[in-house]
Amino acid sequence: MIKIRSSGLSSLSDEQLKAILKRVYSKELVCPFKRSDLLLRGLNAVAEEGDLLFGLDEAGVKAVITAVISERRSIQQKLKIYGS
């Protein structure tokens, strides 16, 4: 199947993103990684939707995932403040 458009990392949960970070920090997942590296570790959804992370070095993967999680928390905090 050929993927036409990618939704970036928006379709992945925080837990899925944290699972990648955990494996990167523990050196279980060495960067840059490929789709097959994720599939072998049971991260199938990430392998399907994580194209943005492929080819990044360790610092890049950490920075991107941290930024995504931080952005989500910021949005959630603003929603709480404004009562939405």
Protein backbone atom coordinates (compact mmCIF):
# COMPACT_ATOMS: atom_id res chain seq x y z
CA MET A 1 0.00 0.00 0.00
CA ILE A 2 1.32 3.44 -0.94
CA LYS A 3 0.74 6.17 1.58
CA ILE A 4 -0.26 9.43 -0.07
CA ARG A 5 -0.52 11.74 2.94
CA SER A 6 0.91 11.49 6.39
CA SER A 7 -0.74 13.06 9.41
CA GLY A 8 2.62 13.54 11.07
CA LEU A 9 2.53 12.34 14.64
CA SER A 10 -0.95 13.63 15.45
CA SER A 11 -2.54 10.19 15.17
CA LEU A 12 -0.18 8.72 17.78
CA SER A 13 -1.02 8.83 21.47
CA ASP A 14 1.27 10.26 24.11
CA GLU A 15 1.79 6.71 25.38
CA GLN A 16 2.99 5.56 21.96
CA LEU A 17 5.37 8.50 21.69
CA LYS A 18 6.66 7.88 25.22
CA ALA A 19 7.26 4.23 24.31
CA ILE A 20 9.61 5.37 21.55
CA LEU A 21 11.40 7.79 23.87
CA LYS A 22 11.82 5.10 26.51
CA ARG A 23 13.43 2.78 23.99
CA VAL A 24 15.67 5.52 22.62
CA TYR A 25 16.86 6.55 26.09
CA SER A 26 17.52 2.93 27.05
CA LYS A 27 19.42 2.40 23.77
CA GLU A 28 17.04 -0.44 22.85
CA LEU A 29 16.15 1.59 19.75
CA VAL A 30 19.17 3.07 18.00
CA CYS A 31 18.73 6.16 15.87
CA PRO A 32 18.32 6.61 13.03
CA PHE A 33 15.78 3.79 12.95
CA LYS A 34 13.65 2.29 10.22
CA ARG A 35 10.10 1.05 10.04
CA SER A 36 11.32 -2.53 10.51
CA ASP A 37 13.06 -1.56 13.78
CA LEU A 38 9.74 -0.37 15.18
CA LEU A 39 7.81 -3.39 13.91
CA LEU A 40 10.29 -5.73 15.60
CA ARG A 41 9.57 -4.01 18.92
CA GLY A 42 5.79 -4.19 18.61
CA LEU A 43 5.38 -0.51 17.78
CA ASN A 44 3.23 -1.20 14.73
CA ALA A 45 1.10 1.95 14.87
CA VAL A 46 4.22 4.07 15.22
CA ALA A 47 5.82 2.22 12.32
CA GLU A 48 2.80 3.08 10.18
CA GLU A 49 2.39 6.72 11.21
CA GLY A 50 5.87 7.75 12.37
CA ASP A 51 7.43 8.63 9.02
CA LEU A 52 8.52 11.98 10.42
CA LEU A 53 10.90 10.22 12.81
CA PHE A 54 12.66 8.01 10.29
CA GLY A 55 16.20 9.10 9.53
CA LEU A 56 16.53 11.42 12.53
CA ASP A 57 19.46 11.11 14.89
CA GLU A 58 18.88 10.53 18.61
CA ALA A 59 18.77 14.23 19.47
CA GLY A 60 16.29 14.84 16.67
CA VAL A 61 13.93 12.06 17.77
CA LYS A 62 14.03 13.27 21.37
CA ALA A 63 13.44 16.89 20.33
CA VAL A 64 10.51 16.13 18.02
CA ILE A 65 8.70 13.82 20.44
CA THR A 66 9.28 16.14 23.38
CA ALA A 67 7.95 19.08 21.36
CA VAL A 68 4.83 17.17 20.31
CA ILE A 69 4.03 16.08 23.86
CA SER A 70 4.73 19.58 25.22
CA GLU A 71 2.48 21.16 22.60
CA ARG A 72 -0.33 18.79 23.48
CA ARG A 73 0.01 19.55 27.20
CA SER A 74 0.04 23.27 26.49
CA ILE A 75 -3.18 23.00 24.51
CA GLN A 76 -4.81 20.88 27.22
CA GLN A 77 -3.79 23.40 29.87
CA LYS A 78 -5.24 26.29 27.86
CA LEU A 79 -8.50 24.39 27.43
CA LYS A 80 -8.72 23.90 31.21
CA ILE A 81 -8.06 27.58 31.85
CA TYR A 82 -10.70 28.76 29.40
CA GLY A 83 -13.20 26.10 30.43
CA SER A 84 -13.56 24.37 27.08
